[in-house]
């Protein structure tokens, strides 16, 4: 799951799937139409500091030199990471937001209109945790407004890849691939 989150983060920052579609269709000028960004040296927010969130945070810090903020009310966070209790404050600082929290009544719709309005303009949202964490209609509005620059979704509601979010080149859908590698299935078994 950590590797997929990293792959989605980079693919979303560079709009890799949309660039591939344009190249295959013979459409030139992608770089002129679609600005992309780097992640190195920027700020990441990890929402949920369990084994996957913590591992992903380490990857981002060590591989990309990112500042890693953590919003995880129940978790102990090592002192070399910045724990921020207020989600809105953390969202305002983050260039990359990655969700790794369980779906509970208090986390359903955690990333909704109010949370998205607090995001740094152009932030990238990655969800490899649970579909119900993100209000997809609010995400579509945030993408249209430029509040969210891109999203990588491994989990989403039924039909989302054919719905409103599908109209955005900067949204990547994967079919719940996080834990489905050969190696992960062997470990689970």
N, C-alpha and C. Protein backbone atom coordinates (compact mmCIF):
# COMPACT_ATOMS: atom_id res chain seq x y z
N UNK A 1 0.84 -1.19 0.00
CA UNK A 1 0.00 0.00 0.00
C UNK A 1 0.88 1.25 0.00
N UNK A 2 1.98 1.20 0.77
CA UNK A 2 2.88 2.35 0.81
C UNK A 2 3.45 2.64 -0.58
N UNK A 3 3.86 1.60 -1.27
CA UNK A 3 4.43 1.79 -2.61
C UNK A 3 3.39 2.34 -3.58
N UNK A 4 2.16 1.86 -3.48
CA UNK A 4 1.11 2.38 -4.35
C UNK A 4 0.85 3.85 -4.05
N UNK A 5 0.80 4.20 -2.77
CA UNK A 5 0.60 5.61 -2.39
C UNK A 5 1.71 6.48 -2.97
N UNK A 6 2.94 6.00 -2.93
CA UNK A 6 4.05 6.75 -3.51
C UNK A 6 3.89 6.87 -5.02
N UNK A 7 3.54 5.76 -5.67
CA UNK A 7 3.34 5.78 -7.11
C UNK A 7 2.22 6.72 -7.52
N UNK A 8 1.10 6.68 -6.80
CA UNK A 8 -0.01 7.58 -7.10
C UNK A 8 0.38 9.03 -6.88
N UNK A 9 1.16 9.28 -5.84
CA UNK A 9 1.60 10.65 -5.54
C UNK A 9 2.41 11.22 -6.69
N UNK A 10 3.38 10.46 -7.15
CA UNK A 10 4.23 10.93 -8.24
C UNK A 10 3.43 11.02 -9.54
N UNK A 11 2.61 10.02 -9.82
CA UNK A 11 1.80 10.04 -11.04
C UNK A 11 0.83 11.22 -11.05
N UNK A 12 0.27 11.55 -9.89
CA UNK A 12 -0.66 12.69 -9.81
C UNK A 12 0.09 14.01 -9.96
N UNK A 13 1.25 14.12 -9.35
CA UNK A 13 2.03 15.36 -9.45
C UNK A 13 2.46 15.63 -10.88
N UNK A 14 2.77 14.57 -11.61
CA UNK A 14 3.25 14.71 -12.99
C UNK A 14 2.17 14.41 -14.03
N UNK A 15 0.95 14.09 -13.60
CA UNK A 15 -0.17 13.78 -14.50
C UNK A 15 0.19 12.70 -15.51
N UNK A 16 0.86 11.67 -15.04
CA UNK A 16 1.37 10.61 -15.91
C UNK A 16 0.26 9.92 -16.71
N UNK A 17 -0.85 9.50 -16.10
CA UNK A 17 -1.87 8.82 -16.91
C UNK A 17 -2.46 9.70 -18.01
N UNK A 18 -2.70 10.98 -17.70
CA UNK A 18 -3.26 11.88 -18.71
C UNK A 18 -2.26 12.13 -19.83
N UNK A 19 -0.99 12.27 -19.47
CA UNK A 19 0.05 12.46 -20.49
C UNK A 19 0.14 11.23 -21.40
N UNK A 20 0.05 10.05 -20.80
CA UNK A 20 0.08 8.82 -21.58
C UNK A 20 -1.11 8.75 -22.55
N UNK A 21 -2.31 9.10 -22.08
CA UNK A 21 -3.49 9.09 -22.95
C UNK A 21 -3.31 10.04 -24.13
N UNK A 22 -2.79 11.24 -23.85
CA UNK A 22 -2.59 12.21 -24.93
C UNK A 22 -1.56 11.71 -25.94
N UNK A 23 -0.48 11.15 -25.44
CA UNK A 23 0.56 10.64 -26.34
C UNK A 23 0.01 9.52 -27.22
N UNK A 24 -0.74 8.60 -26.64
CA UNK A 24 -1.30 7.49 -27.40
C UNK A 24 -2.29 7.98 -28.46
N UNK A 25 -3.00 9.07 -28.14
CA UNK A 25 -3.99 9.62 -29.07
C UNK A 25 -3.36 10.57 -30.09
N UNK A 26 -2.06 10.83 -29.96
CA UNK A 26 -1.38 11.72 -30.89
C UNK A 26 -1.68 13.19 -30.67
N UNK A 27 -2.13 13.54 -29.48
CA UNK A 27 -2.42 14.94 -29.15
C UNK A 27 -1.14 15.59 -28.61
N UNK A 28 -0.65 16.57 -29.29
CA UNK A 28 0.54 17.28 -28.83
C UNK A 28 0.18 18.40 -27.86
N UNK A 29 1.22 19.02 -27.30
CA UNK A 29 1.03 20.19 -26.45
C UNK A 29 0.62 19.92 -25.02
N UNK A 30 0.77 18.69 -24.56
CA UNK A 30 0.34 18.37 -23.19
C UNK A 30 1.02 19.28 -22.16
N UNK A 31 2.33 19.46 -22.31
CA UNK A 31 3.08 20.26 -21.33
C UNK A 31 2.60 21.70 -21.30
N UNK A 32 2.12 22.21 -22.41
CA UNK A 32 1.62 23.58 -22.45
C UNK A 32 0.24 23.71 -21.80
N UNK A 33 -0.56 22.67 -21.90
CA UNK A 33 -1.92 22.70 -21.35
C UNK A 33 -2.00 22.33 -19.88
N UNK A 34 -1.06 21.52 -19.40
CA UNK A 34 -1.17 20.97 -18.05
C UNK A 34 0.11 21.21 -17.25
N UNK A 35 0.07 22.13 -16.31
CA UNK A 35 1.24 22.31 -15.45
C UNK A 35 1.38 21.11 -14.51
N UNK A 36 2.61 20.72 -14.25
CA UNK A 36 2.87 19.63 -13.30
C UNK A 36 3.78 20.17 -12.21
N UNK A 37 4.03 19.35 -11.21
CA UNK A 37 4.80 19.82 -10.06
C UNK A 37 5.71 18.72 -9.55
N UNK A 38 6.68 19.11 -8.76
CA UNK A 38 7.56 18.16 -8.08
C UNK A 38 7.10 18.03 -6.63
N UNK A 39 7.46 16.93 -6.01
CA UNK A 39 7.16 16.71 -4.59
C UNK A 39 8.36 16.97 -3.70
N UNK A 40 9.54 16.83 -4.23
CA UNK A 40 10.77 16.96 -3.44
C UNK A 40 10.80 18.28 -2.68
N UNK A 41 11.08 18.17 -1.39
CA UNK A 41 11.23 19.34 -0.55
C UNK A 41 9.94 20.01 -0.13
N UNK A 42 8.81 19.48 -0.54
CA UNK A 42 7.52 20.09 -0.18
C UNK A 42 6.98 19.45 1.10
N UNK A 43 5.74 19.78 1.43
CA UNK A 43 5.13 19.33 2.69
C UNK A 43 4.05 18.29 2.43
N UNK A 44 4.14 17.18 3.15
CA UNK A 44 3.14 16.11 3.07
C UNK A 44 2.37 16.04 4.38
N UNK A 45 1.10 15.72 4.29
CA UNK A 45 0.27 15.46 5.46
C UNK A 45 -0.19 14.01 5.40
N UNK A 46 0.13 13.27 6.44
CA UNK A 46 -0.33 11.89 6.56
C UNK A 46 -1.48 11.89 7.56
N UNK A 47 -2.65 11.46 7.12
CA UNK A 47 -3.82 11.37 7.98
C UNK A 47 -3.99 9.91 8.36
N UNK A 48 -3.62 9.59 9.59
CA UNK A 48 -3.65 8.21 10.07
C UNK A 48 -2.24 7.66 10.16
N UNK A 49 -1.73 7.49 11.36
CA UNK A 49 -0.33 7.11 11.58
C UNK A 49 -0.23 5.68 12.08
N UNK A 50 -0.88 4.76 11.37
CA UNK A 50 -0.69 3.34 11.64
C UNK A 50 0.54 2.86 10.90
N UNK A 51 0.65 1.56 10.71
CA UNK A 51 1.84 1.00 10.06
C UNK A 51 2.01 1.55 8.64
N UNK A 52 0.93 1.64 7.88
CA UNK A 52 1.03 2.11 6.50
C UNK A 52 1.32 3.61 6.46
N UNK A 53 0.57 4.40 7.21
CA UNK A 53 0.79 5.84 7.23
C UNK A 53 2.20 6.19 7.68
N UNK A 54 2.66 5.53 8.75
CA UNK A 54 4.01 5.80 9.27
C UNK A 54 5.07 5.39 8.25
N UNK A 55 4.89 4.25 7.63
CA UNK A 55 5.84 3.79 6.62
C UNK A 55 5.88 4.72 5.42
N UNK A 56 4.72 5.19 5.00
CA UNK A 56 4.66 6.11 3.87
C UNK A 56 5.31 7.44 4.24
N UNK A 57 5.06 7.90 5.45
CA UNK A 57 5.70 9.14 5.91
C UNK A 57 7.22 9.04 5.87
N UNK A 58 7.75 7.90 6.32
CA UNK A 58 9.20 7.68 6.26
C UNK A 58 9.70 7.69 4.81
N UNK A 59 8.95 7.03 3.92
CA UNK A 59 9.33 7.02 2.50
C UNK A 59 9.43 8.44 1.95
N UNK A 60 8.42 9.24 2.22
CA UNK A 60 8.39 10.60 1.69
C UNK A 60 9.55 11.44 2.23
N UNK A 61 9.81 11.29 3.51
CA UNK A 61 10.89 12.07 4.12
C UNK A 61 12.24 11.62 3.60
N UNK A 62 12.46 10.31 3.56
CA UNK A 62 13.78 9.80 3.19
C UNK A 62 14.03 9.87 1.68
N UNK A 63 13.03 9.54 0.88
CA UNK A 63 13.23 9.50 -0.58
C UNK A 63 13.11 10.87 -1.24
N UNK A 64 12.21 11.70 -0.73
CA UNK A 64 11.94 12.96 -1.39
C UNK A 64 12.28 14.19 -0.55
N UNK A 65 12.76 13.97 0.66
CA UNK A 65 13.11 15.10 1.51
C UNK A 65 11.93 15.96 1.89
N UNK A 66 10.75 15.35 1.98
CA UNK A 66 9.55 16.12 2.30
C UNK A 66 9.44 16.35 3.81
N UNK A 67 8.89 17.49 4.15
CA UNK A 67 8.48 17.76 5.53
C UNK A 67 7.20 16.95 5.74
N UNK A 68 7.12 16.18 6.81
CA UNK A 68 5.97 15.30 7.03
C UNK A 68 5.20 15.75 8.26
N UNK A 69 3.95 16.14 8.02
CA UNK A 69 3.01 16.48 9.09
C UNK A 69 2.12 15.27 9.32
N UNK A 70 1.64 15.11 10.54
CA UNK A 70 0.79 13.97 10.88
C UNK A 70 -0.46 14.46 11.60
N UNK A 71 -1.61 14.00 11.10
CA UNK A 71 -2.87 14.21 11.82
C UNK A 71 -3.40 12.82 12.15
N UNK A 72 -3.29 12.46 13.40
CA UNK A 72 -3.73 11.14 13.85
C UNK A 72 -3.96 11.22 15.35
N UNK A 73 -5.17 11.61 15.75
CA UNK A 73 -5.44 11.89 17.16
C UNK A 73 -5.10 10.77 18.14
N UNK A 74 -5.18 9.52 17.71
CA UNK A 74 -4.97 8.40 18.62
C UNK A 74 -3.55 7.86 18.64
N UNK A 75 -2.70 8.31 17.74
CA UNK A 75 -1.38 7.70 17.57
C UNK A 75 -0.27 8.46 18.27
N UNK A 76 0.71 7.70 18.71
CA UNK A 76 1.97 8.28 19.18
C UNK A 76 2.81 8.55 17.93
N UNK A 77 3.32 9.74 17.81
CA UNK A 77 4.09 10.13 16.64
C UNK A 77 5.50 10.47 17.09
N UNK A 78 6.53 9.87 16.47
CA UNK A 78 7.91 10.17 16.86
C UNK A 78 8.20 11.67 16.74
N UNK A 79 9.08 12.15 17.57
CA UNK A 79 9.38 13.57 17.63
C UNK A 79 9.97 14.17 16.38
N UNK A 80 10.49 13.35 15.47
CA UNK A 80 11.05 13.92 14.25
C UNK A 80 10.00 14.14 13.16
N UNK A 81 8.73 13.92 13.49
CA UNK A 81 7.61 14.26 12.62
C UNK A 81 6.76 15.28 13.37
N UNK A 82 6.01 16.09 12.63
CA UNK A 82 5.19 17.13 13.25
C UNK A 82 3.74 16.68 13.37
N UNK A 83 3.29 16.45 14.59
CA UNK A 83 1.90 16.08 14.81
C UNK A 83 1.07 17.35 14.95
N UNK A 84 0.00 17.43 14.18
CA UNK A 84 -0.88 18.59 14.21
C UNK A 84 -2.29 18.10 14.54
N UNK A 85 -2.81 18.58 15.66
CA UNK A 85 -4.12 18.14 16.13
C UNK A 85 -5.27 18.68 15.28
N UNK A 86 -5.13 19.90 14.76
CA UNK A 86 -6.20 20.53 14.00
C UNK A 86 -6.05 20.18 12.52
N UNK A 87 -7.00 19.41 11.98
CA UNK A 87 -6.92 18.96 10.60
C UNK A 87 -6.89 20.14 9.63
N UNK A 88 -7.72 21.14 9.85
CA UNK A 88 -7.76 22.30 8.96
C UNK A 88 -6.42 23.01 8.89
N UNK A 89 -5.77 23.16 10.02
CA UNK A 89 -4.45 23.80 10.05
C UNK A 89 -3.46 22.97 9.25
N UNK A 90 -3.51 21.66 9.40
CA UNK A 90 -2.59 20.77 8.67
C UNK A 90 -2.86 20.81 7.17
N UNK A 91 -4.13 20.81 6.78
CA UNK A 91 -4.48 20.84 5.36
C UNK A 91 -3.97 22.11 4.68
N UNK A 92 -4.00 23.22 5.40
CA UNK A 92 -3.55 24.50 4.85
C UNK A 92 -2.05 24.52 4.57
N UNK A 93 -1.30 23.63 5.18
CA UNK A 93 0.15 23.59 5.03
C UNK A 93 0.63 22.56 4.01
N UNK A 94 -0.25 21.65 3.62
CA UNK A 94 0.18 20.46 2.87
C UNK A 94 0.08 20.62 1.35
N UNK A 95 1.16 20.20 0.68
CA UNK A 95 1.16 20.10 -0.78
C UNK A 95 0.64 18.73 -1.22
N UNK A 96 0.81 17.74 -0.36
CA UNK A 96 0.37 16.36 -0.61
C UNK A 96 -0.37 15.88 0.63
N UNK A 97 -1.57 15.35 0.44
CA UNK A 97 -2.38 14.83 1.54
C UNK A 97 -2.63 13.36 1.24
N UNK A 98 -2.25 12.49 2.18
CA UNK A 98 -2.44 11.06 1.96
C UNK A 98 -3.24 10.47 3.11
N UNK A 99 -4.31 9.77 2.78
CA UNK A 99 -5.23 9.22 3.79
C UNK A 99 -4.88 7.77 4.11
N UNK A 100 -4.72 7.50 5.41
CA UNK A 100 -4.37 6.16 5.89
C UNK A 100 -5.13 5.84 7.18
N UNK A 101 -6.31 6.36 7.32
CA UNK A 101 -7.07 6.20 8.55
C UNK A 101 -8.24 5.25 8.31
N UNK A 102 -8.67 4.54 9.35
CA UNK A 102 -9.83 3.66 9.18
C UNK A 102 -11.12 4.45 8.97
N UNK A 103 -12.10 3.81 8.39
CA UNK A 103 -13.42 4.42 8.25
C UNK A 103 -14.21 4.12 9.52
N UNK A 104 -14.51 5.18 10.23
CA UNK A 104 -15.31 5.12 11.46
C UNK A 104 -16.40 6.18 11.33
N UNK A 105 -17.39 6.16 12.19
CA UNK A 105 -18.40 7.22 12.10
C UNK A 105 -17.79 8.62 12.11
N UNK A 106 -16.76 8.82 12.92
CA UNK A 106 -16.15 10.17 13.01
C UNK A 106 -15.22 10.51 11.85
N UNK A 107 -14.86 9.51 11.01
CA UNK A 107 -14.00 9.81 9.87
C UNK A 107 -14.75 9.76 8.53
N UNK A 108 -16.01 9.32 8.55
CA UNK A 108 -16.79 9.30 7.31
C UNK A 108 -16.94 10.74 6.81
N UNK A 109 -16.59 10.98 5.56
CA UNK A 109 -16.68 12.32 4.99
C UNK A 109 -15.65 13.29 5.56
N UNK A 110 -14.59 12.75 6.15
CA UNK A 110 -13.55 13.58 6.76
C UNK A 110 -13.03 14.64 5.79
N UNK A 111 -12.85 14.23 4.54
CA UNK A 111 -12.40 15.17 3.52
C UNK A 111 -13.63 15.56 2.69
N UNK A 112 -14.34 16.53 3.23
CA UNK A 112 -15.54 17.06 2.59
C UNK A 112 -15.32 18.50 2.17
N UNK A 113 -16.40 19.21 1.90
CA UNK A 113 -16.31 20.58 1.39
C UNK A 113 -15.55 21.49 2.34
N UNK A 114 -15.83 21.41 3.63
CA UNK A 114 -15.15 22.29 4.59
C UNK A 114 -13.66 22.00 4.64
N UNK A 115 -13.29 20.73 4.67
CA UNK A 115 -11.87 20.37 4.71
C UNK A 115 -11.18 20.78 3.42
N UNK A 116 -11.80 20.53 2.29
CA UNK A 116 -11.19 20.86 1.00
C UNK A 116 -11.01 22.36 0.83
N UNK A 117 -11.91 23.14 1.41
CA UNK A 117 -11.79 24.60 1.33
C UNK A 117 -10.57 25.11 2.10
N UNK A 118 -10.09 24.31 3.03
CA UNK A 118 -8.92 24.70 3.83
C UNK A 118 -7.60 24.27 3.20
N UNK A 119 -7.67 23.46 2.16
CA UNK A 119 -6.45 22.95 1.53
C UNK A 119 -5.68 24.05 0.83
N UNK A 120 -4.38 23.87 0.79
CA UNK A 120 -3.52 24.76 0.02
C UNK A 120 -3.91 24.61 -1.46
N UNK A 121 -4.08 25.70 -2.18
CA UNK A 121 -4.45 25.59 -3.60
C UNK A 121 -3.46 24.72 -4.37
N UNK A 122 -4.01 23.78 -5.14
CA UNK A 122 -3.18 22.89 -5.95
C UNK A 122 -2.71 21.64 -5.22
N UNK A 123 -3.12 21.44 -3.99
CA UNK A 123 -2.71 20.26 -3.22
C UNK A 123 -3.13 18.98 -3.94
N UNK A 124 -2.37 17.93 -3.68
CA UNK A 124 -2.64 16.61 -4.25
C UNK A 124 -3.23 15.74 -3.15
N UNK A 125 -4.33 15.05 -3.45
CA UNK A 125 -5.00 14.17 -2.50
C UNK A 125 -4.83 12.73 -2.93
N UNK A 126 -4.36 11.88 -2.01
CA UNK A 126 -4.20 10.45 -2.27
C UNK A 126 -5.06 9.70 -1.25
N UNK A 127 -5.87 8.76 -1.73
CA UNK A 127 -6.65 7.93 -0.82
C UNK A 127 -6.44 6.46 -1.17
N UNK A 128 -5.70 5.78 -0.30
CA UNK A 128 -5.52 4.33 -0.42
C UNK A 128 -6.15 3.63 0.79
N UNK A 129 -6.97 4.37 1.55
CA UNK A 129 -7.53 3.82 2.79
C UNK A 129 -8.95 3.29 2.60
N UNK A 130 -9.93 4.19 2.64
CA UNK A 130 -11.34 3.81 2.53
C UNK A 130 -12.10 4.84 1.72
N UNK A 131 -13.05 4.39 0.91
CA UNK A 131 -13.81 5.28 0.04
C UNK A 131 -14.60 6.32 0.82
N UNK A 132 -15.22 5.97 1.88
CA UNK A 132 -16.09 6.87 2.63
C UNK A 132 -15.39 8.04 3.29
N UNK A 133 -14.07 8.08 3.26
CA UNK A 133 -13.34 9.19 3.87
C UNK A 133 -13.48 10.47 3.06
N UNK A 134 -13.70 10.35 1.76
CA UNK A 134 -13.73 11.50 0.86
C UNK A 134 -15.15 11.71 0.33
N UNK A 135 -15.63 12.94 0.43
CA UNK A 135 -16.89 13.32 -0.21
C UNK A 135 -16.55 13.60 -1.67
N UNK A 136 -16.93 12.69 -2.56
CA UNK A 136 -16.52 12.78 -3.96
C UNK A 136 -17.13 13.97 -4.69
N UNK A 137 -18.35 14.37 -4.34
CA UNK A 137 -18.94 15.56 -4.97
C UNK A 137 -18.14 16.80 -4.57
N UNK A 138 -17.78 16.89 -3.30
CA UNK A 138 -16.98 18.02 -2.84
C UNK A 138 -15.60 18.01 -3.50
N UNK A 139 -15.04 16.82 -3.70
CA UNK A 139 -13.75 16.71 -4.38
C UNK A 139 -13.86 17.22 -5.82
N UNK A 140 -14.93 16.86 -6.51
CA UNK A 140 -15.12 17.35 -7.89
C UNK A 140 -15.20 18.87 -7.91
N UNK A 141 -15.91 19.46 -6.96
CA UNK A 141 -15.99 20.93 -6.89
C UNK A 141 -14.61 21.53 -6.63
N UNK A 142 -13.83 20.91 -5.73
CA UNK A 142 -12.50 21.42 -5.39
C UNK A 142 -11.55 21.30 -6.58
N UNK A 143 -11.66 20.24 -7.36
CA UNK A 143 -10.86 20.09 -8.57
C UNK A 143 -11.23 21.16 -9.60
N UNK A 144 -12.52 21.37 -9.79
CA UNK A 144 -12.99 22.37 -10.76
C UNK A 144 -12.53 23.77 -10.38
N UNK A 145 -12.47 24.03 -9.08
CA UNK A 145 -12.06 25.35 -8.59
C UNK A 145 -10.54 25.50 -8.52
N UNK A 146 -9.80 24.41 -8.73
CA UNK A 146 -8.35 24.47 -8.61
C UNK A 146 -7.84 24.38 -7.19
N UNK A 147 -8.73 24.16 -6.26
CA UNK A 147 -8.32 24.02 -4.85
C UNK A 147 -7.49 22.75 -4.69
N UNK A 148 -7.94 21.68 -5.35
CA UNK A 148 -7.16 20.44 -5.40
C UNK A 148 -6.59 20.34 -6.81
N UNK A 149 -5.29 20.10 -6.88
CA UNK A 149 -4.62 20.05 -8.18
C UNK A 149 -4.71 18.70 -8.85
N UNK A 150 -4.77 17.63 -8.04
CA UNK A 150 -4.83 16.27 -8.58
C UNK A 150 -5.23 15.33 -7.46
N UNK A 151 -5.70 14.14 -7.85
CA UNK A 151 -6.08 13.13 -6.86
C UNK A 151 -5.73 11.75 -7.40
N UNK A 152 -5.23 10.90 -6.51
CA UNK A 152 -4.98 9.50 -6.81
C UNK A 152 -5.85 8.67 -5.89
N UNK A 153 -6.78 7.94 -6.46
CA UNK A 153 -7.78 7.21 -5.67
C UNK A 153 -7.71 5.72 -5.94
N UNK A 154 -7.34 4.97 -4.91
CA UNK A 154 -7.36 3.51 -5.00
C UNK A 154 -8.67 2.97 -4.45
N UNK A 155 -9.41 3.82 -3.76
CA UNK A 155 -10.71 3.46 -3.19
C UNK A 155 -11.67 4.61 -3.47
N UNK A 156 -12.92 4.26 -3.82
CA UNK A 156 -13.91 5.26 -4.22
C UNK A 156 -15.26 4.57 -4.30
N UNK A 157 -16.32 5.36 -4.46
CA UNK A 157 -17.66 4.79 -4.54
C UNK A 157 -17.85 4.06 -5.87
N UNK A 158 -18.81 3.14 -5.88
CA UNK A 158 -19.13 2.40 -7.10
C UNK A 158 -19.52 3.39 -8.20
N UNK A 159 -18.94 3.25 -9.34
CA UNK A 159 -19.28 4.11 -10.47
C UNK A 159 -18.49 5.40 -10.56
N UNK A 160 -17.67 5.70 -9.59
CA UNK A 160 -16.91 6.97 -9.62
C UNK A 160 -16.03 7.11 -10.86
N UNK A 161 -15.38 6.02 -11.35
CA UNK A 161 -14.54 6.19 -12.53
C UNK A 161 -15.32 6.52 -13.81
N UNK A 162 -16.64 6.38 -13.77
CA UNK A 162 -17.47 6.76 -14.91
C UNK A 162 -18.29 8.02 -14.60
N UNK A 163 -18.18 8.53 -13.38
CA UNK A 163 -18.97 9.68 -12.95
C UNK A 163 -18.26 11.00 -13.16
N UNK A 164 -18.64 11.97 -12.35
CA UNK A 164 -18.14 13.34 -12.50
C UNK A 164 -16.61 13.43 -12.37
N UNK A 165 -16.02 12.67 -11.46
CA UNK A 165 -14.57 12.73 -11.26
C UNK A 165 -13.82 12.26 -12.50
N UNK A 166 -14.44 11.41 -13.30
CA UNK A 166 -13.79 10.89 -14.51
C UNK A 166 -13.53 11.99 -15.53
N UNK A 167 -14.19 13.10 -15.41
CA UNK A 167 -14.02 14.20 -16.36
C UNK A 167 -12.76 15.02 -16.12
N UNK A 168 -12.02 14.70 -15.07
CA UNK A 168 -10.81 15.45 -14.75
C UNK A 168 -9.58 14.65 -15.12
N UNK A 169 -8.74 15.22 -16.00
CA UNK A 169 -7.49 14.55 -16.38
C UNK A 169 -6.59 14.32 -15.18
N UNK A 170 -6.72 15.14 -14.16
CA UNK A 170 -5.82 15.05 -13.02
C UNK A 170 -6.31 14.08 -11.92
N UNK A 171 -7.29 13.25 -12.23
CA UNK A 171 -7.74 12.22 -11.28
C UNK A 171 -7.31 10.85 -11.81
N UNK A 172 -6.69 10.09 -10.93
CA UNK A 172 -6.23 8.73 -11.26
C UNK A 172 -7.05 7.74 -10.44
N UNK A 173 -7.60 6.74 -11.10
CA UNK A 173 -8.32 5.66 -10.42
C UNK A 173 -7.52 4.37 -10.56
N UNK A 174 -7.36 3.64 -9.48
CA UNK A 174 -6.82 2.28 -9.54
C UNK A 174 -7.80 1.36 -8.83
N UNK A 175 -7.92 0.11 -9.25
CA UNK A 175 -8.95 -0.80 -8.73
C UNK A 175 -8.58 -1.49 -7.43
N UNK A 176 -8.39 -0.71 -6.37
CA UNK A 176 -8.06 -1.22 -5.04
C UNK A 176 -6.84 -2.16 -5.11
N UNK A 177 -5.76 -1.61 -5.65
CA UNK A 177 -4.53 -2.37 -5.87
C UNK A 177 -3.61 -2.41 -4.66
N UNK A 178 -3.88 -1.59 -3.65
CA UNK A 178 -2.95 -1.41 -2.54
C UNK A 178 -2.33 -2.67 -1.98
N UNK A 179 -3.12 -3.62 -1.62
CA UNK A 179 -2.59 -4.83 -0.99
C UNK A 179 -2.67 -6.06 -1.87
N UNK A 180 -2.72 -5.86 -3.19
CA UNK A 180 -2.96 -7.02 -4.05
C UNK A 180 -1.72 -7.49 -4.81
N UNK A 181 -0.53 -7.12 -4.36
CA UNK A 181 0.67 -7.64 -5.02
C UNK A 181 0.86 -9.11 -4.65
N UNK A 182 1.62 -9.83 -5.43
CA UNK A 182 1.92 -11.22 -5.13
C UNK A 182 2.57 -11.34 -3.75
N UNK A 183 3.51 -10.44 -3.49
CA UNK A 183 4.23 -10.48 -2.20
C UNK A 183 3.30 -10.21 -1.03
N UNK A 184 2.40 -9.24 -1.17
CA UNK A 184 1.47 -8.92 -0.08
C UNK A 184 0.52 -10.08 0.18
N UNK A 185 0.04 -10.73 -0.88
CA UNK A 185 -0.87 -11.86 -0.70
C UNK A 185 -0.17 -13.03 -0.02
N UNK A 186 1.11 -13.25 -0.31
CA UNK A 186 1.87 -14.30 0.37
C UNK A 186 2.00 -13.97 1.85
N UNK A 187 2.32 -12.71 2.17
CA UNK A 187 2.44 -12.31 3.59
C UNK A 187 1.13 -12.49 4.32
N UNK A 188 0.01 -12.11 3.68
CA UNK A 188 -1.30 -12.25 4.33
C UNK A 188 -1.60 -13.73 4.56
N UNK A 189 -1.27 -14.57 3.57
CA UNK A 189 -1.54 -16.01 3.67
C UNK A 189 -0.70 -16.66 4.74
